[in-house]
N, C-alpha and C. Protein backbone atom coordinates (compact mmCIF):
# COMPACT_ATOMS: atom_id res chain seq x y z
N MET A 1 95.64 166.14 95.67
CA MET A 1 93.85 165.54 95.05
C MET A 1 94.08 166.28 93.38
N SER A 2 94.05 165.57 92.82
CA SER A 2 93.75 165.85 91.51
C SER A 2 92.36 165.96 90.63
N THR A 3 92.57 166.65 89.73
CA THR A 3 91.27 167.30 88.82
C THR A 3 91.28 166.94 87.55
N SER A 4 90.33 166.23 86.43
CA SER A 4 90.73 166.67 85.19
C SER A 4 88.90 166.51 84.85
N SER A 5 88.88 167.26 83.94
CA SER A 5 87.68 167.40 83.25
C SER A 5 87.47 167.08 81.86
N ILE A 6 86.58 167.13 81.40
CA ILE A 6 85.88 166.78 79.86
C ILE A 6 84.67 168.06 79.54
N LYS A 7 85.19 169.03 78.36
CA LYS A 7 83.47 169.41 78.57
C LYS A 7 82.92 168.97 77.30
N VAL A 8 81.61 169.28 77.12
CA VAL A 8 80.48 168.02 76.40
C VAL A 8 79.82 168.93 75.63
N THR A 9 80.26 169.60 74.23
CA THR A 9 78.89 170.22 73.62
C THR A 9 79.14 170.00 72.08
N SER A 10 78.50 170.49 70.88
CA SER A 10 78.83 169.82 69.41
C SER A 10 78.02 170.49 68.48
N ASP A 11 78.99 171.52 67.74
CA ASP A 11 78.42 172.57 67.11
C ASP A 11 77.61 172.16 65.50
N GLN A 12 78.24 171.15 64.99
CA GLN A 12 77.09 171.00 63.86
C GLN A 12 75.72 170.17 63.92
N ALA A 13 76.06 169.82 64.70
CA ALA A 13 74.30 169.10 65.34
C ALA A 13 73.38 170.49 65.90
N ILE A 14 73.77 171.35 66.32
CA ILE A 14 73.26 172.40 66.60
C ILE A 14 72.76 173.00 65.50
N GLU A 15 73.32 173.32 64.45
CA GLU A 15 72.21 174.22 63.21
C GLU A 15 71.62 173.34 62.61
N ARG A 16 71.74 171.51 62.40
CA ARG A 16 70.50 171.16 61.76
C ARG A 16 69.25 171.14 62.88
N ALA A 17 69.54 170.99 64.09
CA ALA A 17 68.15 171.16 64.86
C ALA A 17 67.85 172.23 64.70
N LYS A 18 68.65 173.47 64.77
CA LYS A 18 67.89 174.95 65.10
C LYS A 18 66.95 175.45 63.38
N LYS A 19 67.50 174.57 62.24
CA LYS A 19 66.53 174.56 61.05
C LYS A 19 65.21 173.63 61.43
N LEU A 20 65.48 172.58 62.00
CA LEU A 20 64.19 171.71 62.08
C LEU A 20 63.29 172.40 62.77
N LEU A 21 63.91 172.79 63.67
CA LEU A 21 63.11 172.68 65.29
C LEU A 21 62.76 174.80 65.32
N SER A 22 62.66 175.41 64.27
CA SER A 22 63.18 176.90 64.18
C SER A 22 61.44 177.30 64.21
N GLU A 23 60.26 176.65 64.15
CA GLU A 23 58.87 176.80 64.72
C GLU A 23 58.55 176.89 65.91
N VAL A 24 59.54 175.72 67.13
CA VAL A 24 58.99 175.26 68.26
C VAL A 24 59.91 175.83 69.07
N PRO A 25 58.87 176.93 70.07
CA PRO A 25 59.72 177.94 70.72
C PRO A 25 60.29 177.24 71.78
N GLY A 26 61.48 177.38 72.37
CA GLY A 26 62.40 176.22 73.14
C GLY A 26 62.70 175.11 72.93
N GLY A 27 62.26 174.77 71.30
CA GLY A 27 62.54 173.37 70.96
C GLY A 27 63.70 173.27 70.92
N VAL A 28 64.79 174.31 70.35
CA VAL A 28 65.94 173.44 70.12
C VAL A 28 66.81 173.07 71.56
N GLU A 29 66.49 174.32 72.57
CA GLU A 29 67.24 174.49 73.62
C GLU A 29 67.36 173.32 73.75
N THR A 30 65.51 172.13 74.04
CA THR A 30 65.07 171.44 75.03
C THR A 30 65.64 169.77 74.37
N ALA A 31 66.30 170.07 73.10
CA ALA A 31 66.45 169.01 72.29
C ALA A 31 68.03 169.29 72.76
N MET A 32 68.77 170.12 72.55
CA MET A 32 70.20 170.35 72.80
C MET A 32 69.79 169.91 74.15
N MET A 33 69.75 170.36 75.22
CA MET A 33 70.09 170.22 76.72
C MET A 33 70.05 168.23 76.90
N ARG A 34 68.78 167.97 76.59
CA ARG A 34 68.20 166.46 77.28
C ARG A 34 69.69 165.87 76.38
N SER A 35 69.80 166.14 75.00
CA SER A 35 70.83 165.29 74.13
C SER A 35 72.30 165.26 74.96
N ILE A 36 72.98 166.77 75.02
CA ILE A 36 73.79 166.48 76.17
C ILE A 36 74.03 165.94 76.86
N ASN A 37 73.02 166.08 77.42
CA ASN A 37 72.92 165.22 79.30
C ASN A 37 73.10 164.45 79.16
N ARG A 38 72.72 163.53 78.24
CA ARG A 38 72.45 161.49 77.75
C ARG A 38 74.08 161.58 77.01
N ALA A 39 74.80 162.52 76.44
CA ALA A 39 75.91 162.38 75.99
C ALA A 39 76.81 161.88 77.30
N ALA A 40 76.54 163.42 78.26
CA ALA A 40 77.85 163.47 79.44
C ALA A 40 77.46 161.71 80.22
N ARG A 41 76.21 161.42 80.49
CA ARG A 41 76.22 160.04 81.18
C ARG A 41 76.80 159.10 80.38
N ALA A 42 77.03 158.87 78.73
CA ALA A 42 78.12 158.02 78.05
C ALA A 42 79.35 158.26 77.74
N GLY A 43 79.82 159.44 78.35
CA GLY A 43 80.79 160.00 78.51
C GLY A 43 81.42 159.01 79.91
N LYS A 44 80.69 159.24 80.66
CA LYS A 44 80.88 158.73 82.15
C LYS A 44 80.94 157.38 82.13
N THR A 45 80.53 156.68 81.19
CA THR A 45 80.14 155.07 81.36
C THR A 45 81.83 154.75 80.25
N GLN A 46 82.06 155.26 79.66
CA GLN A 46 83.21 155.45 78.15
C GLN A 46 84.61 155.99 79.29
N ALA A 47 84.21 156.49 80.44
CA ALA A 47 85.50 156.94 81.28
C ALA A 47 85.72 156.16 81.45
N VAL A 48 84.87 155.07 82.59
CA VAL A 48 85.05 153.92 83.18
C VAL A 48 85.85 152.64 82.27
N LYS A 49 85.36 152.61 81.55
CA LYS A 49 85.30 151.36 79.85
C LYS A 49 86.99 151.65 79.64
N GLU A 50 87.74 153.30 79.31
CA GLU A 50 89.00 153.34 78.90
C GLU A 50 89.61 153.55 80.41
N VAL A 51 89.64 153.44 81.59
CA VAL A 51 90.74 153.20 82.72
C VAL A 51 90.55 151.97 82.86
N ARG A 52 89.52 151.16 82.83
CA ARG A 52 89.56 149.45 83.24
C ARG A 52 90.03 148.54 82.12
N ALA A 53 89.98 149.54 80.56
CA ALA A 53 91.39 148.65 79.99
C ALA A 53 92.26 148.74 79.68
N ARG A 54 92.85 149.55 79.79
CA ARG A 54 94.53 150.32 80.73
C ARG A 54 94.68 149.79 82.09
N TYR A 55 94.13 149.99 83.32
CA TYR A 55 94.21 149.43 84.26
C TYR A 55 93.74 148.80 85.32
N THR A 56 94.50 148.43 86.03
CA THR A 56 93.41 146.97 86.78
C THR A 56 92.70 147.87 88.20
N VAL A 57 92.58 148.59 88.18
CA VAL A 57 91.57 149.24 89.13
C VAL A 57 90.07 148.87 89.20
N LYS A 58 89.52 149.20 89.98
CA LYS A 58 87.96 148.29 89.90
C LYS A 58 87.34 149.40 89.50
N ALA A 59 86.04 149.37 88.65
CA ALA A 59 85.50 150.24 88.18
C ALA A 59 84.52 151.24 89.21
N GLY A 60 84.17 150.61 90.62
CA GLY A 60 83.59 151.23 91.29
C GLY A 60 84.63 152.12 91.67
N ASP A 61 86.04 152.25 92.06
CA ASP A 61 86.61 152.89 92.27
C ASP A 61 86.96 154.04 91.14
N VAL A 62 86.88 154.18 90.20
CA VAL A 62 86.86 155.15 88.87
C VAL A 62 85.46 155.38 89.12
N ARG A 63 84.08 155.27 89.08
CA ARG A 63 82.95 155.82 89.38
C ARG A 63 82.76 156.82 90.36
N GLN A 64 83.50 156.22 91.08
CA GLN A 64 83.39 157.32 92.41
C GLN A 64 83.90 158.48 92.65
N THR A 65 84.74 158.36 91.58
CA THR A 65 85.31 159.88 91.07
C THR A 65 84.41 160.86 90.17
N LEU A 66 84.30 160.19 89.46
CA LEU A 66 83.34 160.57 88.30
C LEU A 66 82.03 161.91 89.02
N THR A 67 81.94 162.65 88.62
CA THR A 67 80.47 164.26 88.45
C THR A 67 80.60 164.72 87.27
N THR A 68 79.11 164.76 86.76
CA THR A 68 78.62 165.32 85.99
C THR A 68 78.23 166.60 86.33
N SER A 69 77.88 167.62 85.46
CA SER A 69 77.39 169.14 85.67
C SER A 69 76.57 168.74 84.46
N LYS A 70 75.73 169.14 84.82
CA LYS A 70 74.41 168.69 84.11
C LYS A 70 74.00 170.36 82.56
N ALA A 71 73.76 170.03 81.47
CA ALA A 71 73.30 171.02 80.33
C ALA A 71 72.06 171.27 81.05
N THR A 72 71.70 172.97 80.94
CA THR A 72 70.37 173.62 81.37
C THR A 72 70.23 174.13 80.04
N HIS A 73 68.66 174.81 79.97
CA HIS A 73 68.06 175.63 78.69
C HIS A 73 69.31 176.90 78.55
N ALA A 74 69.43 177.37 79.86
CA ALA A 74 70.68 178.30 79.74
C ALA A 74 72.05 178.03 79.15
N LYS A 75 72.58 177.08 79.35
CA LYS A 75 73.74 176.75 79.74
C LYS A 75 74.14 175.56 78.95
N LEU A 76 73.88 175.29 77.76
CA LEU A 76 73.77 174.30 76.83
C LEU A 76 75.46 173.72 76.36
N GLU A 77 75.92 173.20 77.86
CA GLU A 77 77.16 172.23 78.10
C GLU A 77 76.87 171.97 79.39
N ALA A 78 77.87 170.16 79.30
CA ALA A 78 77.88 169.91 80.32
C ALA A 78 79.61 169.57 80.35
N GLU A 79 79.75 168.46 81.60
CA GLU A 79 80.95 168.56 82.64
C GLU A 79 80.90 167.46 82.41
N ILE A 80 82.44 166.62 82.72
CA ILE A 80 82.52 165.40 83.48
C ILE A 80 83.84 165.86 84.19
N VAL A 81 83.71 165.60 85.56
CA VAL A 81 84.78 166.18 86.51
C VAL A 81 85.03 164.62 87.05
N SER A 82 86.51 164.67 87.31
CA SER A 82 86.79 163.48 87.84
C SER A 82 87.60 163.82 89.10
N ARG A 83 87.79 164.28 90.46
CA ARG A 83 88.28 164.07 91.66
C ARG A 83 88.74 163.32 92.44
N GLY A 84 89.87 163.55 92.99
CA GLY A 84 90.44 162.32 93.82
C GLY A 84 91.72 162.16 94.32
N PRO A 85 91.92 161.68 95.14
CA PRO A 85 93.56 161.61 95.49
C PRO A 85 94.09 160.25 95.09
N MET A 86 95.69 160.09 94.89
CA MET A 86 96.16 158.65 94.62
C MET A 86 95.83 158.11 95.35
N LEU A 87 95.80 156.66 94.71
CA LEU A 87 95.27 155.52 95.20
C LEU A 87 95.86 154.60 95.50
N GLY A 88 96.02 153.99 97.00
CA GLY A 88 96.87 153.21 97.30
C GLY A 88 97.17 152.34 96.03
N LEU A 89 98.53 151.16 96.68
CA LEU A 89 98.50 150.15 95.59
C LEU A 89 97.56 149.32 95.71
N ALA A 90 97.37 148.74 97.07
CA ALA A 90 95.96 147.89 97.11
C ALA A 90 94.93 148.38 96.33
N ALA A 91 94.49 148.91 95.61
CA ALA A 91 93.27 149.56 95.03
C ALA A 91 93.43 149.03 94.07
N TYR A 92 94.63 148.67 93.31
CA TYR A 92 95.33 147.75 92.18
C TYR A 92 95.62 146.31 92.43
N LYS A 93 95.31 145.67 91.05
CA LYS A 93 95.56 144.38 91.38
C LYS A 93 97.19 143.73 92.03
N HIS A 94 96.82 142.90 93.24
CA HIS A 94 98.34 142.47 93.58
C HIS A 94 98.12 141.38 94.21
N SER A 95 99.40 140.92 94.71
CA SER A 95 99.45 139.38 95.67
C SER A 95 100.14 139.32 96.51
N PRO A 96 100.17 138.92 97.69
CA PRO A 96 99.68 138.58 98.12
C PRO A 96 97.88 139.50 98.37
N LYS A 97 96.85 138.91 98.60
CA LYS A 97 95.73 139.65 99.49
C LYS A 97 95.46 139.88 101.15
N THR A 98 96.08 138.54 101.88
CA THR A 98 95.81 138.92 103.13
C THR A 98 97.56 138.98 103.67
N ASP A 99 97.77 139.41 104.74
CA ASP A 99 98.80 139.82 105.32
C ASP A 99 100.07 139.17 105.36
N SER A 100 100.82 139.88 104.56
CA SER A 100 102.32 139.10 104.81
C SER A 100 103.35 139.61 105.64
N THR A 101 103.13 139.76 107.09
CA THR A 101 103.89 139.97 107.96
C THR A 101 104.55 138.73 108.64
N GLY A 102 105.20 138.73 109.76
CA GLY A 102 105.55 137.58 110.85
C GLY A 102 105.85 136.25 110.11
N ALA A 103 105.85 135.50 110.48
CA ALA A 103 106.17 133.71 109.48
C ALA A 103 105.76 133.78 108.48
N ASN A 104 104.48 134.52 108.01
CA ASN A 104 103.71 133.98 106.52
C ASN A 104 104.39 134.73 105.47
N ARG A 105 105.55 135.88 105.36
CA ARG A 105 106.13 136.23 104.70
C ARG A 105 106.06 135.74 103.17
N LYS A 106 105.44 137.02 102.18
CA LYS A 106 105.12 136.29 101.04
C LYS A 106 105.51 137.62 100.25
N ARG A 107 106.75 137.59 99.39
CA ARG A 107 107.12 138.42 98.40
C ARG A 107 105.38 139.19 97.36
N VAL A 108 105.91 141.08 97.86
CA VAL A 108 104.61 141.86 97.26
C VAL A 108 104.63 141.85 95.85
N ARG A 109 103.93 141.31 94.98
CA ARG A 109 103.59 141.96 94.01
C ARG A 109 102.70 142.61 93.06
N VAL A 110 102.76 143.78 92.50
CA VAL A 110 101.65 144.72 92.42
C VAL A 110 101.52 144.70 90.13
N SER A 111 100.33 145.09 89.62
CA SER A 111 100.26 144.83 88.85
C SER A 111 99.06 146.42 88.23
N VAL A 112 99.66 147.58 88.12
CA VAL A 112 98.80 148.99 87.87
C VAL A 112 98.90 148.45 86.39
N LYS A 113 99.07 148.49 85.42
CA LYS A 113 98.43 148.87 83.98
C LYS A 113 98.56 147.16 83.87
N ARG A 114 97.04 147.04 82.99
CA ARG A 114 97.70 145.96 82.61
C ARG A 114 97.81 145.41 81.73
N GLU A 115 99.11 145.85 80.86
CA GLU A 115 100.08 145.43 80.20
C GLU A 115 101.04 144.92 81.10
N GLY A 116 102.12 143.64 80.87
CA GLY A 116 103.39 144.18 81.56
C GLY A 116 103.49 143.35 83.01
N GLY A 117 102.22 142.11 83.00
CA GLY A 117 102.13 141.58 84.20
C GLY A 117 102.61 142.48 86.05
N MET A 118 102.72 141.43 86.75
CA MET A 118 102.56 141.60 87.99
C MET A 118 104.63 141.95 88.46
N LYS A 119 105.18 142.98 89.28
CA LYS A 119 106.03 143.47 89.02
C LYS A 119 105.97 143.56 91.00
N PRO A 120 107.51 142.53 91.38
CA PRO A 120 107.88 142.57 92.31
C PRO A 120 107.68 143.80 93.10
N LEU A 121 107.88 144.32 94.19
CA LEU A 121 108.11 145.51 95.00
C LEU A 121 108.70 145.54 96.03
N GLY A 122 110.10 144.55 96.21
CA GLY A 122 110.93 144.78 97.23
C GLY A 122 110.76 144.15 98.10
N GLN A 123 110.96 145.71 99.26
CA GLN A 123 111.01 145.49 100.95
C GLN A 123 109.80 145.62 101.10
N ALA A 124 108.27 146.01 100.50
CA ALA A 124 107.03 146.23 100.29
C ALA A 124 105.95 144.77 101.59
N PHE A 125 105.25 145.12 102.07
CA PHE A 125 104.50 143.84 102.73
C PHE A 125 103.11 144.23 102.35
N VAL A 126 102.41 143.47 103.22
CA VAL A 126 100.73 144.06 102.98
C VAL A 126 100.23 143.93 104.27
N TRP A 127 100.27 144.62 104.94
CA TRP A 127 99.61 144.79 106.29
C TRP A 127 97.93 145.48 106.78
N GLN A 128 97.02 144.78 107.08
CA GLN A 128 95.54 145.30 106.97
C GLN A 128 95.27 145.82 105.91
N GLY A 129 95.29 145.11 104.96
CA GLY A 129 94.96 146.00 103.36
C GLY A 129 95.96 146.30 102.47
N LYS A 130 96.48 146.92 103.32
CA LYS A 130 97.70 148.11 102.55
C LYS A 130 98.68 147.63 102.58
N ILE A 131 98.95 148.17 101.00
CA ILE A 131 100.78 147.91 101.15
C ILE A 131 101.24 148.92 101.22
N MET A 132 102.28 148.28 102.31
CA MET A 132 103.59 149.09 103.22
C MET A 132 104.70 148.97 103.14
N GLN A 133 105.99 149.82 103.22
CA GLN A 133 106.80 150.00 103.13
C GLN A 133 107.46 150.61 103.84
N ARG A 134 108.36 149.57 104.18
CA ARG A 134 109.87 150.34 106.00
C ARG A 134 110.56 151.54 105.36
N VAL A 135 110.53 152.57 105.67
CA VAL A 135 111.16 153.61 105.41
C VAL A 135 113.19 153.62 106.21
N GLY A 136 113.87 153.00 105.61
CA GLY A 136 115.30 153.48 106.04
C GLY A 136 115.25 151.41 107.02
N LYS A 137 116.18 151.37 107.39
CA LYS A 137 116.36 149.93 108.36
C LYS A 137 115.82 149.46 109.81
N LYS A 138 115.31 151.10 110.03
CA LYS A 138 114.68 150.55 111.67
C LYS A 138 112.73 150.21 111.10
N ARG A 139 112.30 149.89 112.32
CA ARG A 139 110.69 149.09 112.48
C ARG A 139 109.94 150.35 111.75
N LEU A 140 109.85 151.23 112.01
CA LEU A 140 109.50 152.46 112.06
C LEU A 140 110.65 153.34 111.78
N PRO A 141 109.64 154.25 110.65
CA PRO A 141 108.63 154.80 110.28
C PRO A 141 108.24 153.35 109.12
N ILE A 142 107.13 153.49 109.01
CA ILE A 142 106.68 152.99 107.09
C ILE A 142 105.38 153.70 106.41
N GLU A 143 105.77 153.75 105.62
CA GLU A 143 105.20 154.53 104.53
C GLU A 143 103.95 153.91 103.53
N LYS A 144 102.92 154.30 103.18
CA LYS A 144 101.64 153.46 102.50
C LYS A 144 102.07 153.76 101.29
N LYS A 145 102.32 152.76 100.65
CA LYS A 145 103.01 152.66 98.68
C LYS A 145 101.72 153.30 98.19
N LEU A 146 101.49 153.96 97.16
CA LEU A 146 100.66 154.74 96.44
C LEU A 146 100.70 154.39 94.57
N GLY A 147 99.84 154.51 94.10
CA GLY A 147 100.07 154.82 92.77
C GLY A 147 99.09 155.73 92.20
N PRO A 148 99.20 155.83 91.03
CA PRO A 148 98.60 157.31 90.36
C PRO A 148 97.17 157.00 90.45
N SER A 149 96.61 158.64 90.76
CA SER A 149 95.27 158.89 90.67
C SER A 149 94.41 158.10 89.80
N ILE A 150 92.87 158.43 89.79
CA ILE A 150 91.95 158.40 88.82
C ILE A 150 92.23 159.28 87.96
N PRO A 151 91.75 160.76 88.56
CA PRO A 151 91.79 162.28 87.57
C PRO A 151 93.04 161.83 86.55
N SER A 152 94.32 161.44 87.04
CA SER A 152 95.51 161.64 86.49
C SER A 152 95.18 160.62 85.21
N ILE A 153 94.84 159.40 85.94
CA ILE A 153 94.40 158.53 84.34
C ILE A 153 93.71 159.14 83.56
N ILE A 154 92.42 159.46 83.71
CA ILE A 154 91.61 159.86 82.77
C ILE A 154 92.07 161.62 81.99
N GLY A 155 92.79 161.96 82.70
CA GLY A 155 93.61 162.89 81.56
C GLY A 155 94.62 162.69 80.81
N ASN A 156 94.96 161.91 80.91
CA ASN A 156 95.49 160.83 79.68
C ASN A 156 95.39 161.09 78.60
N PRO A 157 95.85 161.51 77.14
CA PRO A 157 95.51 162.49 75.91
C PRO A 157 94.10 161.25 75.28
N GLU A 158 94.85 159.91 75.24
CA GLU A 158 94.21 158.54 74.90
C GLU A 158 92.74 158.40 75.49
N VAL A 159 92.70 158.70 76.76
CA VAL A 159 91.58 158.44 77.27
C VAL A 159 90.63 159.72 76.92
N VAL A 160 91.69 160.69 77.14
CA VAL A 160 89.80 162.09 76.83
C VAL A 160 89.79 162.29 75.54
N GLU A 161 90.59 161.67 74.46
CA GLU A 161 89.97 161.35 72.91
C GLU A 161 89.24 160.57 73.17
N ALA A 162 89.04 159.36 73.89
CA ALA A 162 88.10 157.91 73.64
C ALA A 162 86.45 158.88 74.26
N ILE A 163 87.02 158.76 75.06
CA ILE A 163 86.18 159.91 75.67
C ILE A 163 85.11 160.78 75.25
N GLU A 164 85.40 162.01 73.93
CA GLU A 164 85.03 162.93 73.52
C GLU A 164 84.31 162.37 72.16
N GLU A 165 85.12 161.47 71.49
CA GLU A 165 84.40 160.41 70.66
C GLU A 165 83.08 160.08 71.10
N ARG A 166 83.17 159.16 72.18
CA ARG A 166 82.21 159.22 72.04
C ARG A 166 80.74 159.62 72.73
N THR A 167 81.35 161.15 73.37
CA THR A 167 80.47 161.70 73.42
C THR A 167 79.56 162.50 72.37
N GLU A 168 80.55 162.97 71.12
CA GLU A 168 80.08 163.75 70.27
C GLU A 168 79.40 162.57 69.33
N GLU A 169 79.54 161.32 69.51
CA GLU A 169 78.49 160.34 68.38
C GLU A 169 77.29 160.33 68.79
N MET A 170 77.28 160.40 70.37
CA MET A 170 75.94 160.17 71.26
C MET A 170 75.41 161.86 70.88
N ILE A 171 75.66 162.42 71.22
CA ILE A 171 74.79 163.69 70.77
C ILE A 171 74.83 163.95 69.56
N VAL A 172 74.93 163.35 68.42
CA VAL A 172 74.58 163.76 66.85
C VAL A 172 73.18 161.90 67.44
N LYS A 173 74.07 161.48 67.79
CA LYS A 173 72.53 160.16 67.03
C LYS A 173 70.89 160.59 68.55
N ARG A 174 71.58 161.42 69.65
CA ARG A 174 70.40 161.29 70.25
C ARG A 174 69.83 162.74 69.91
N LEU A 175 70.44 163.65 69.68
CA LEU A 175 70.12 164.89 69.16
C LEU A 175 68.76 164.41 68.05
N ASP A 176 69.27 163.71 66.76
CA ASP A 176 68.07 163.04 66.29
C ASP A 176 66.82 162.77 67.04
N HIS A 177 67.07 161.59 68.04
CA HIS A 177 65.75 161.74 68.53
C HIS A 177 65.04 162.55 69.17
N GLU A 178 66.14 163.00 69.56
CA GLU A 178 64.84 164.36 70.69
C GLU A 178 64.11 165.26 69.89
N VAL A 179 64.77 165.47 68.44
CA VAL A 179 64.17 166.24 67.83
C VAL A 179 62.84 165.42 66.89
N ASN A 180 63.16 164.55 66.63
CA ASN A 180 61.78 163.85 66.03
C ASN A 180 60.67 163.50 67.78
N ARG A 181 60.94 163.35 68.43
CA ARG A 181 60.27 163.46 70.30
C ARG A 181 59.70 164.78 70.11
N ILE A 182 60.54 165.97 69.83
CA ILE A 182 59.61 167.06 69.88
C ILE A 182 58.85 167.09 68.96
N LEU A 183 59.14 166.81 68.03
CA LEU A 183 58.09 167.07 66.43
C LEU A 183 56.96 166.19 66.80
N LYS A 184 57.24 165.07 67.28
CA LYS A 184 56.19 164.06 67.39
C LYS A 184 56.49 163.24 66.45
N VAL A 185 57.01 162.91 65.38
CA VAL A 185 57.58 162.34 64.41
C VAL A 185 57.30 160.79 64.47
């Protein structure tokens, strides 16, 4: 089971909001909390987009591993966390989709990353929707072939940077909106 997390905060935007909302009791905390929570949702969406841009895994599989802890008045910080096991290769782009055992054997090919195309997997076969491979020459044992976990993909520095960039951008954008909303401008 792998875990990867990203924290969402912004210091520059806080100073500006403090200046504008100095007269409103609890105004700064409310505006920051709302904008941070919206930025966390945007960061979650960006995480799905970044993973899908690099890997052939389904968006639903990525979303399933993501959770967010929301910011509160007391804790002006949100966190995007990804938890999950290594995925079977069947979760990635592969061919054939149906069982490749018995008389209808076909060579199994898999593409985990979008770049590079489908690669053959030697003696692997598809059985009941899973990609399996024998261990040794005998009929049994067989093992399920696994690919990278979603948290390890999200932990990639390029992906983390893109998510942080998007959340920072969203905090600044939403903080202006929330300050104007509280001031009723």
